[in-house]
């Protein structure tokens, strides 16, 4: 019995060594397969990322192209608008000149009246510089009651 027990223990040790060697090769194969799968997944992710970057690049190029077209249209519109504005301004200037020529009385024009009627800034401020619509109004020569005339020197 004692010898059978020793033989069984020896068989167990041999089975463990052989099983370890067998499963070691199997684990090595599984590890290699796992590494290959990880490499394939990494390459697939890389390819997806490259495709995504290419799509983004194409979108950026299309956006830049659309913006450039808009800028060109805007500059063309601005050029046309400036031409039409200058044509309108020229026509308005000619019309206002014709209007001024028709208002000439005895060969002289009141400068403030012309400026005001043309919409100039000095004309829009009205009588601030001494002219008014009905004609030039004089400032009162006498001060209101209780005030000293401005021409008198102040007494101390």
C-alpha atoms as a PDB file:
ATOM      1  CA  UNK A   1       0.000   0.000   0.000  1.00  0.00           C
ATOM      2  CA  UNK A   2       2.777   2.277   0.884  1.00  0.00           C
ATOM      3  CA  UNK A   3       4.391   1.727  -2.533  1.00  0.00           C
ATOM      4  CA  UNK A   4       1.072   2.344  -4.354  1.00  0.00           C
ATOM      5  CA  UNK A   5       0.713   5.634  -2.490  1.00  0.00           C
ATOM      6  CA  UNK A   6       4.173   6.788  -3.593  1.00  0.00           C
ATOM      7  CA  UNK A   7       3.414   5.774  -7.186  1.00  0.00           C
ATOM      8  CA  UNK A   8       0.150   7.755  -7.125  1.00  0.00           C
ATOM      9  CA  UNK A   9       1.980  10.814  -5.802  1.00  0.00           C
ATOM     10  CA  UNK A  10       4.584  10.477  -8.547  1.00  0.00           C
ATOM     11  CA  UNK A  11       1.840  10.177 -11.150  1.00  0.00           C
ATOM     12  CA  UNK A  12       0.219  13.356  -9.752  1.00  0.00           C
ATOM     13  CA  UNK A  13       3.489  15.285  -9.945  1.00  0.00           C
ATOM     14  CA  UNK A  14       4.121  14.102 -13.537  1.00  0.00           C
ATOM     15  CA  UNK A  15       0.524  15.012 -14.540  1.00  0.00           C
ATOM     16  CA  UNK A  16       0.966  18.498 -13.083  1.00  0.00           C
ATOM     17  CA  UNK A  17       4.247  19.065 -14.937  1.00  0.00           C
ATOM     18  CA  UNK A  18       2.863  17.798 -18.269  1.00  0.00           C
ATOM     19  CA  UNK A  19      -0.382  19.810 -17.820  1.00  0.00           C
ATOM     20  CA  UNK A  20       1.607  22.926 -16.989  1.00  0.00           C
ATOM     21  CA  UNK A  21       3.694  22.521 -20.115  1.00  0.00           C
ATOM     22  CA  UNK A  22       0.634  21.890 -22.271  1.00  0.00           C
ATOM     23  CA  UNK A  23      -1.372  24.793 -20.892  1.00  0.00           C
ATOM     24  CA  UNK A  24       1.695  27.023 -20.996  1.00  0.00           C
ATOM     25  CA  UNK A  25       1.842  26.605 -24.764  1.00  0.00           C
ATOM     26  CA  UNK A  26      -1.922  27.121 -24.920  1.00  0.00           C
ATOM     27  CA  UNK A  27      -1.666  30.321 -22.832  1.00  0.00           C
ATOM     28  CA  UNK A  28       1.190  31.489 -25.032  1.00  0.00           C
ATOM     29  CA  UNK A  29      -0.986  30.943 -28.133  1.00  0.00           C
ATOM     30  CA  UNK A  30      -3.915  32.751 -26.467  1.00  0.00           C
ATOM     31  CA  UNK A  31      -1.629  35.616 -25.504  1.00  0.00           C
ATOM     32  CA  UNK A  32      -0.365  35.887 -29.094  1.00  0.00           C
ATOM     33  CA  UNK A  33      -3.943  35.857 -30.405  1.00  0.00           C
ATOM     34  CA  UNK A  34      -4.911  38.530 -27.874  1.00  0.00           C
ATOM     35  CA  UNK A  35      -1.955  40.706 -28.969  1.00  0.00           C
ATOM     36  CA  UNK A  36      -2.893  40.260 -32.625  1.00  0.00           C
ATOM     37  CA  UNK A  37      -6.499  41.179 -31.877  1.00  0.00           C
ATOM     38  CA  UNK A  38      -5.370  44.289 -29.971  1.00  0.00           C
ATOM     39  CA  UNK A  39      -3.130  45.303 -32.879  1.00  0.00           C
ATOM     40  CA  UNK A  40      -5.995  44.831 -35.339  1.00  0.00           C
ATOM     41  CA  UNK A  41      -8.326  46.870 -33.143  1.00  0.00           C
ATOM     42  CA  UNK A  42      -5.710  49.595 -32.792  1.00  0.00           C
ATOM     43  CA  UNK A  43      -5.183  49.661 -36.576  1.00  0.00           C
ATOM     44  CA  UNK A  44      -8.940  49.784 -37.131  1.00  0.00           C
ATOM     45  CA  UNK A  45      -9.250  52.709 -34.687  1.00  0.00           C
ATOM     46  CA  UNK A  46      -6.373  54.443 -36.436  1.00  0.00           C
ATOM     47  CA  UNK A  47      -8.033  53.982 -39.840  1.00  0.00           C
ATOM     48  CA  UNK A  48     -11.342  55.296 -38.473  1.00  0.00           C
ATOM     49  CA  UNK A  49      -9.550  58.310 -37.001  1.00  0.00           C
ATOM     50  CA  UNK A  50      -7.801  58.997 -40.303  1.00  0.00           C
ATOM     51  CA  UNK A  51     -11.138  58.790 -42.136  1.00  0.00           C
ATOM     52  CA  UNK A  52     -12.680  61.133 -39.556  1.00  0.00           C
ATOM     53  CA  UNK A  53      -9.826  63.600 -40.034  1.00  0.00           C
ATOM     54  CA  UNK A  54     -10.240  63.439 -43.795  1.00  0.00           C
ATOM     55  CA  UNK A  55     -13.974  64.120 -43.448  1.00  0.00           C
ATOM     56  CA  UNK A  56     -13.276  67.055 -41.128  1.00  0.00           C
ATOM     57  CA  UNK A  57     -10.647  68.384 -43.520  1.00  0.00           C
ATOM     58  CA  UNK A  58     -13.103  68.149 -46.414  1.00  0.00           C
ATOM     59  CA  UNK A  59     -15.743  69.963 -44.332  1.00  0.00           C
ATOM     60  CA  UNK A  60     -13.244  72.696 -43.418  1.00  0.00           C
ATOM     61  CA  UNK A  61     -12.253  73.120 -47.056  1.00  0.00           C
ATOM     62  CA  UNK A  62     -15.912  73.320 -48.095  1.00  0.00           C
ATOM     63  CA  UNK A  63     -16.606  75.855 -45.337  1.00  0.00           C
ATOM     64  CA  UNK A  64     -13.624  77.980 -46.362  1.00  0.00           C
ATOM     65  CA  UNK A  65     -14.749  77.796 -49.986  1.00  0.00           C
ATOM     66  CA  UNK A  66     -18.280  78.916 -49.055  1.00  0.00           C
ATOM     67  CA  UNK A  67     -16.872  81.758 -46.925  1.00  0.00           C
ATOM     68  CA  UNK A  68     -14.634  82.844 -49.800  1.00  0.00           C
ATOM     69  CA  UNK A  69     -17.629  82.849 -52.169  1.00  0.00           C
ATOM     70  CA  UNK A  70     -19.598  84.923 -49.652  1.00  0.00           C
ATOM     71  CA  UNK A  71     -16.706  87.377 -49.326  1.00  0.00           C
ATOM     72  CA  UNK A  72     -16.482  87.687 -53.110  1.00  0.00           C
ATOM     73  CA  UNK A  73     -20.230  88.274 -53.361  1.00  0.00           C
ATOM     74  CA  UNK A  74     -20.060  90.814 -50.544  1.00  0.00           C
ATOM     75  CA  UNK A  75     -17.219  92.716 -52.231  1.00  0.00           C
ATOM     76  CA  UNK A  76     -19.068  92.610 -55.553  1.00  0.00           C
ATOM     77  CA  UNK A  77     -22.235  93.865 -53.848  1.00  0.00           C
ATOM     78  CA  UNK A  78     -20.250  96.559 -52.075  1.00  0.00           C
ATOM     79  CA  UNK A  79     -18.690  97.627 -55.373  1.00  0.00           C
ATOM     80  CA  UNK A  80     -22.106  97.707 -57.055  1.00  0.00           C
ATOM     81  CA  UNK A  81     -23.620  99.500 -54.070  1.00  0.00           C
ATOM     82  CA  UNK A  82     -20.822 102.062 -54.031  1.00  0.00           C
ATOM     83  CA  UNK A  83     -21.274 102.596 -57.765  1.00  0.00           C
ATOM     84  CA  UNK A  84     -25.021 102.968 -57.354  1.00  0.00           C
ATOM     85  CA  UNK A  85     -24.564 105.158 -54.276  1.00  0.00           C
ATOM     86  CA  UNK A  86     -22.106 107.347 -56.130  1.00  0.00           C
ATOM     87  CA  UNK A  87     -24.527 107.523 -59.067  1.00  0.00           C
ATOM     88  CA  UNK A  88     -27.390 108.394 -56.699  1.00  0.00           C
ATOM     89  CA  UNK A  89     -25.205 110.942 -54.916  1.00  0.00           C
ATOM     90  CA  UNK A  90     -24.212 112.481 -58.212  1.00  0.00           C
ATOM     91  CA  UNK A  91     -27.844 112.651 -59.290  1.00  0.00           C
ATOM     92  CA  UNK A  92     -28.827 114.112 -55.921  1.00  0.00           C
ATOM     93  CA  UNK A  93     -26.023 116.659 -56.156  1.00  0.00           C
ATOM     94  CA  UNK A  94     -27.138 117.662 -59.627  1.00  0.00           C
ATOM     95  CA  UNK A  95     -30.739 117.874 -58.455  1.00  0.00           C
ATOM     96  CA  UNK A  96     -29.795 119.969 -55.436  1.00  0.00           C
ATOM     97  CA  UNK A  97     -27.629 122.202 -57.623  1.00  0.00           C
ATOM     98  CA  UNK A  98     -30.576 122.680 -59.976  1.00  0.00           C
ATOM     99  CA  UNK A  99     -32.762 123.428 -56.948  1.00  0.00           C
ATOM    100  CA  UNK A 100     -30.256 125.954 -55.657  1.00  0.00           C
ATOM    101  CA  UNK A 101     -30.000 127.644 -59.046  1.00  0.00           C
ATOM    102  CA  UNK A 102     -33.765 128.061 -59.099  1.00  0.00           C
ATOM    103  CA  UNK A 103     -33.696 129.736 -55.688  1.00  0.00           C
ATOM    104  CA  UNK A 104     -31.221 132.399 -56.673  1.00  0.00           C
ATOM    105  CA  UNK A 105     -32.661 135.796 -55.899  1.00  0.00           C
ATOM    106  CA  UNK A 106     -30.903 138.836 -57.366  1.00  0.00           C
ATOM    107  CA  UNK A 107     -27.714 136.805 -57.869  1.00  0.00           C
ATOM    108  CA  UNK A 108     -26.953 136.136 -54.165  1.00  0.00           C
ATOM    109  CA  UNK A 109     -27.642 133.211 -51.849  1.00  0.00           C
ATOM    110  CA  UNK A 110     -27.763 133.150 -48.115  1.00  0.00           C
ATOM    111  CA  UNK A 111     -25.055 130.610 -47.131  1.00  0.00           C
ATOM    112  CA  UNK A 112     -26.787 129.455 -43.994  1.00  0.00           C
ATOM    113  CA  UNK A 113     -30.044 128.976 -45.902  1.00  0.00           C
ATOM    114  CA  UNK A 114     -28.288 126.882 -48.575  1.00  0.00           C
ATOM    115  CA  UNK A 115     -26.515 124.762 -45.981  1.00  0.00           C
ATOM    116  CA  UNK A 116     -29.719 124.186 -44.018  1.00  0.00           C
ATOM    117  CA  UNK A 117     -31.799 123.304 -47.087  1.00  0.00           C
ATOM    118  CA  UNK A 118     -29.150 120.885 -48.355  1.00  0.00           C
ATOM    119  CA  UNK A 119     -29.221 119.018 -45.068  1.00  0.00           C
ATOM    120  CA  UNK A 120     -25.712 120.039 -44.020  1.00  0.00           C
ATOM    121  CA  UNK A 121     -24.764 119.883 -40.380  1.00  0.00           C
ATOM    122  CA  UNK A 122     -24.526 123.636 -39.986  1.00  0.00           C
ATOM    123  CA  UNK A 123     -27.893 124.103 -41.629  1.00  0.00           C
ATOM    124  CA  UNK A 124     -29.497 121.506 -39.388  1.00  0.00           C
ATOM    125  CA  UNK A 125     -28.337 123.365 -36.322  1.00  0.00           C
ATOM    126  CA  UNK A 126     -30.562 126.222 -37.386  1.00  0.00           C
ATOM    127  CA  UNK A 127     -29.977 129.698 -36.135  1.00  0.00           C
ATOM    128  CA  UNK A 128     -27.074 128.761 -33.928  1.00  0.00           C
ATOM    129  CA  UNK A 129     -24.699 130.785 -36.101  1.00  0.00           C
ATOM    130  CA  UNK A 130     -26.893 133.789 -36.489  1.00  0.00           C
ATOM    131  CA  UNK A 131     -29.353 132.858 -39.199  1.00  0.00           C
ATOM    132  CA  UNK A 132     -32.950 131.743 -39.009  1.00  0.00           C
ATOM    133  CA  UNK A 133     -35.627 130.568 -41.401  1.00  0.00           C
ATOM    134  CA  UNK A 134     -37.642 133.754 -41.561  1.00  0.00           C
ATOM    135  CA  UNK A 135     -34.563 135.873 -41.842  1.00  0.00           C
ATOM    136  CA  UNK A 136     -31.946 137.010 -39.449  1.00  0.00           C
ATOM    137  CA  UNK A 137     -33.400 137.953 -36.105  1.00  0.00           C
ATOM    138  CA  UNK A 138     -31.578 140.508 -34.014  1.00  0.00           C
ATOM    139  CA  UNK A 139     -30.619 139.802 -30.428  1.00  0.00           C
ATOM    140  CA  UNK A 140     -32.316 142.216 -28.070  1.00  0.00           C
ATOM    141  CA  UNK A 141     -30.164 145.258 -27.541  1.00  0.00           C
ATOM    142  CA  UNK A 142     -31.466 145.857 -24.043  1.00  0.00           C
ATOM    143  CA  UNK A 143     -31.015 143.217 -21.375  1.00  0.00           C
ATOM    144  CA  UNK A 144     -33.998 141.897 -19.470  1.00  0.00           C
ATOM    145  CA  UNK A 145     -35.048 143.797 -16.383  1.00  0.00           C
ATOM    146  CA  UNK A 146     -32.676 143.512 -13.471  1.00  0.00           C
ATOM    147  CA  UNK A 147     -29.630 142.685 -15.546  1.00  0.00           C
ATOM    148  CA  UNK A 148     -26.802 144.963 -16.535  1.00  0.00           C
ATOM    149  CA  UNK A 149     -25.982 145.473 -20.177  1.00  0.00           C
ATOM    150  CA  UNK A 150     -23.161 143.255 -21.409  1.00  0.00           C
ATOM    151  CA  UNK A 151     -21.202 146.226 -22.780  1.00  0.00           C
ATOM    152  CA  UNK A 152     -20.799 147.868 -19.351  1.00  0.00           C
ATOM    153  CA  UNK A 153     -17.690 146.935 -17.420  1.00  0.00           C
ATOM    154  CA  UNK A 154     -18.385 145.181 -14.163  1.00  0.00           C
ATOM    155  CA  UNK A 155     -18.047 147.466 -11.109  1.00  0.00           C
ATOM    156  CA  UNK A 156     -16.209 146.243  -8.108  1.00  0.00           C
END
